[in-house]
Amino acid sequence: MQRIEDTIKPAEQQKLAFDALKSVSAKAAADLDASCPAEMPQTLTDRLDLAAKRLEALANAVDTVKPALNDFYNMLSDEQKARFNVIGRSADAVTP
């Protein structure tokens, strides 16, 4: 989140949307962390059940973060969107 803030430099009116994004991202991360098992189940069926629960937690995290991310992104200027769109891309990645 710090990298996004440093790169985008949100204007005052964008800060509320950015703060909402930070909040839901932190909740999603906590929920994902909570879905991690303390120890690996011994049976295959239990491991598959665990994998299903982790996938469900991941899907819930996406569903939680996506609306806040869209709200924030839609408030950005074209220049900010261009900077945002390259965050996380590898320097040696080939762009189409």
C-alpha atoms as a PDB file:
ATOM      1  CA  MET A   1       0.000   0.000   0.000  1.00  0.00           C
ATOM      2  CA  GLN A   2       2.906   2.318   0.707  1.00  0.00           C
ATOM      3  CA  ARG A   3       4.270   1.710  -2.783  1.00  0.00           C
ATOM      4  CA  ILE A   4       0.886   2.600  -4.299  1.00  0.00           C
ATOM      5  CA  GLU A   5       0.691   5.767  -2.211  1.00  0.00           C
ATOM      6  CA  ASP A   6       4.257   6.765  -3.115  1.00  0.00           C
ATOM      7  CA  THR A   7       3.671   6.087  -6.819  1.00  0.00           C
ATOM      8  CA  ILE A   8       0.189   7.559  -7.189  1.00  0.00           C
ATOM      9  CA  LYS A   9       0.444  10.412  -4.676  1.00  0.00           C
ATOM     10  CA  PRO A  10      -3.334  10.519  -4.157  1.00  0.00           C
ATOM     11  CA  ALA A  11      -4.912  13.959  -4.052  1.00  0.00           C
ATOM     12  CA  GLU A  12      -6.953  14.944  -1.011  1.00  0.00           C
ATOM     13  CA  GLN A  13     -10.271  13.879  -2.577  1.00  0.00           C
ATOM     14  CA  GLN A  14      -8.740  10.492  -3.477  1.00  0.00           C
ATOM     15  CA  LYS A  15      -7.496   9.794   0.044  1.00  0.00           C
ATOM     16  CA  LEU A  16     -10.872   8.598   1.356  1.00  0.00           C
ATOM     17  CA  ALA A  17     -11.115   5.999  -1.396  1.00  0.00           C
ATOM     18  CA  PHE A  18      -7.485   5.021  -0.817  1.00  0.00           C
ATOM     19  CA  ASP A  19      -8.085   4.686   2.933  1.00  0.00           C
ATOM     20  CA  ALA A  20     -11.111   2.472   2.211  1.00  0.00           C
ATOM     21  CA  LEU A  21      -8.943   0.344  -0.084  1.00  0.00           C
ATOM     22  CA  LYS A  22      -6.295   0.005   2.636  1.00  0.00           C
ATOM     23  CA  SER A  23      -8.937  -0.982   5.165  1.00  0.00           C
ATOM     24  CA  VAL A  24     -10.588  -3.686   3.058  1.00  0.00           C
ATOM     25  CA  SER A  25      -7.179  -4.965   1.931  1.00  0.00           C
ATOM     26  CA  ALA A  26      -6.094  -5.359   5.543  1.00  0.00           C
ATOM     27  CA  LYS A  27      -9.334  -7.209   6.357  1.00  0.00           C
ATOM     28  CA  ALA A  28      -8.924  -9.486   3.337  1.00  0.00           C
ATOM     29  CA  ALA A  29      -5.325 -10.226   4.326  1.00  0.00           C
ATOM     30  CA  ALA A  30      -6.391 -11.032   7.894  1.00  0.00           C
ATOM     31  CA  ASP A  31      -9.162 -13.314   6.634  1.00  0.00           C
ATOM     32  CA  LEU A  32      -6.718 -15.112   4.334  1.00  0.00           C
ATOM     33  CA  ASP A  33      -4.260 -15.480   7.174  1.00  0.00           C
ATOM     34  CA  ALA A  34      -7.001 -16.907   9.387  1.00  0.00           C
ATOM     35  CA  SER A  35      -7.796 -19.516   6.741  1.00  0.00           C
ATOM     36  CA  CYS A  36      -4.294 -20.974   6.993  1.00  0.00           C
ATOM     37  CA  PRO A  37      -4.217 -24.206   8.975  1.00  0.00           C
ATOM     38  CA  ALA A  38      -2.153 -24.565  12.121  1.00  0.00           C
ATOM     39  CA  GLU A  39      -0.994 -27.911  10.783  1.00  0.00           C
ATOM     40  CA  MET A  40      -1.451 -29.868   7.580  1.00  0.00           C
ATOM     41  CA  PRO A  41      -4.257 -32.449   7.673  1.00  0.00           C
ATOM     42  CA  GLN A  42      -3.128 -36.053   7.423  1.00  0.00           C
ATOM     43  CA  THR A  43      -5.697 -37.446   5.002  1.00  0.00           C
ATOM     44  CA  LEU A  44      -6.106 -36.591   1.358  1.00  0.00           C
ATOM     45  CA  THR A  45      -9.781 -35.794   1.755  1.00  0.00           C
ATOM     46  CA  ASP A  46      -9.042 -33.422   4.628  1.00  0.00           C
ATOM     47  CA  ARG A  47      -6.312 -31.727   2.563  1.00  0.00           C
ATOM     48  CA  LEU A  48      -8.751 -31.323  -0.327  1.00  0.00           C
ATOM     49  CA  ASP A  49     -11.333 -29.829   2.048  1.00  0.00           C
ATOM     50  CA  LEU A  50      -8.658 -27.446   3.302  1.00  0.00           C
ATOM     51  CA  ALA A  51      -7.732 -26.477  -0.261  1.00  0.00           C
ATOM     52  CA  ALA A  52     -11.394 -25.774  -1.015  1.00  0.00           C
ATOM     53  CA  LYS A  53     -11.650 -23.556   2.084  1.00  0.00           C
ATOM     54  CA  ARG A  54      -8.490 -21.675   1.098  1.00  0.00           C
ATOM     55  CA  LEU A  55      -9.829 -21.124  -2.423  1.00  0.00           C
ATOM     56  CA  GLU A  56     -13.108 -19.881  -0.976  1.00  0.00           C
ATOM     57  CA  ALA A  57     -11.189 -17.496   1.297  1.00  0.00           C
ATOM     58  CA  LEU A  58      -9.199 -16.257  -1.692  1.00  0.00           C
ATOM     59  CA  ALA A  59     -12.373 -15.698  -3.733  1.00  0.00           C
ATOM     60  CA  ASN A  60     -13.906 -13.824  -0.792  1.00  0.00           C
ATOM     61  CA  ALA A  61     -10.791 -11.658  -0.536  1.00  0.00           C
ATOM     62  CA  VAL A  62     -11.056 -10.764  -4.222  1.00  0.00           C
ATOM     63  CA  ASP A  63     -14.756  -9.969  -3.824  1.00  0.00           C
ATOM     64  CA  THR A  64     -13.947  -7.782  -0.804  1.00  0.00           C
ATOM     65  CA  VAL A  65     -11.093  -5.820  -2.371  1.00  0.00           C
ATOM     66  CA  LYS A  66     -12.327  -5.421  -5.943  1.00  0.00           C
ATOM     67  CA  PRO A  67     -15.096  -2.825  -5.331  1.00  0.00           C
ATOM     68  CA  ALA A  68     -12.801  -0.621  -3.229  1.00  0.00           C
ATOM     69  CA  LEU A  69     -10.028  -0.962  -5.794  1.00  0.00           C
ATOM     70  CA  ASN A  70     -12.414  -0.022  -8.607  1.00  0.00           C
ATOM     71  CA  ASP A  71     -13.657   3.011  -6.657  1.00  0.00           C
ATOM     72  CA  PHE A  72     -10.114   4.203  -6.034  1.00  0.00           C
ATOM     73  CA  TYR A  73      -8.911   3.484  -9.571  1.00  0.00           C
ATOM     74  CA  ASN A  74     -11.860   5.336 -11.119  1.00  0.00           C
ATOM     75  CA  MET A  75     -10.937   8.450  -9.137  1.00  0.00           C
ATOM     76  CA  LEU A  76      -7.402   8.549 -10.570  1.00  0.00           C
ATOM     77  CA  SER A  77      -6.325  10.860 -13.355  1.00  0.00           C
ATOM     78  CA  ASP A  78      -5.086   9.304 -16.590  1.00  0.00           C
ATOM     79  CA  GLU A  79      -1.504  10.008 -15.517  1.00  0.00           C
ATOM     80  CA  GLN A  80      -2.050   8.336 -12.143  1.00  0.00           C
ATOM     81  CA  LYS A  81      -3.703   5.346 -13.836  1.00  0.00           C
ATOM     82  CA  ALA A  82      -0.690   4.957 -16.097  1.00  0.00           C
ATOM     83  CA  ARG A  83       1.637   4.919 -13.063  1.00  0.00           C
ATOM     84  CA  PHE A  84      -0.685   2.552 -11.191  1.00  0.00           C
ATOM     85  CA  ASN A  85      -0.869   0.124 -14.101  1.00  0.00           C
ATOM     86  CA  VAL A  86       2.877  -0.532 -14.034  1.00  0.00           C
ATOM     87  CA  ILE A  87       3.112  -1.218 -10.294  1.00  0.00           C
ATOM     88  CA  GLY A  88       4.269  -4.779  -9.798  1.00  0.00           C
ATOM     89  CA  ARG A  89       5.286  -5.416 -13.370  1.00  0.00           C
ATOM     90  CA  SER A  90       8.707  -6.878 -13.817  1.00  0.00           C
ATOM     91  CA  ALA A  91      11.186  -4.507 -15.401  1.00  0.00           C
ATOM     92  CA  ASP A  92      12.053  -7.162 -17.969  1.00  0.00           C
ATOM     93  CA  ALA A  93       8.430  -8.117 -18.739  1.00  0.00           C
ATOM     94  CA  VAL A  94       7.500  -7.946 -22.378  1.00  0.00           C
ATOM     95  CA  THR A  95       4.509  -5.750 -23.078  1.00  0.00           C
ATOM     96  CA  PRO A  96       2.299  -6.538 -26.068  1.00  0.00           C
END
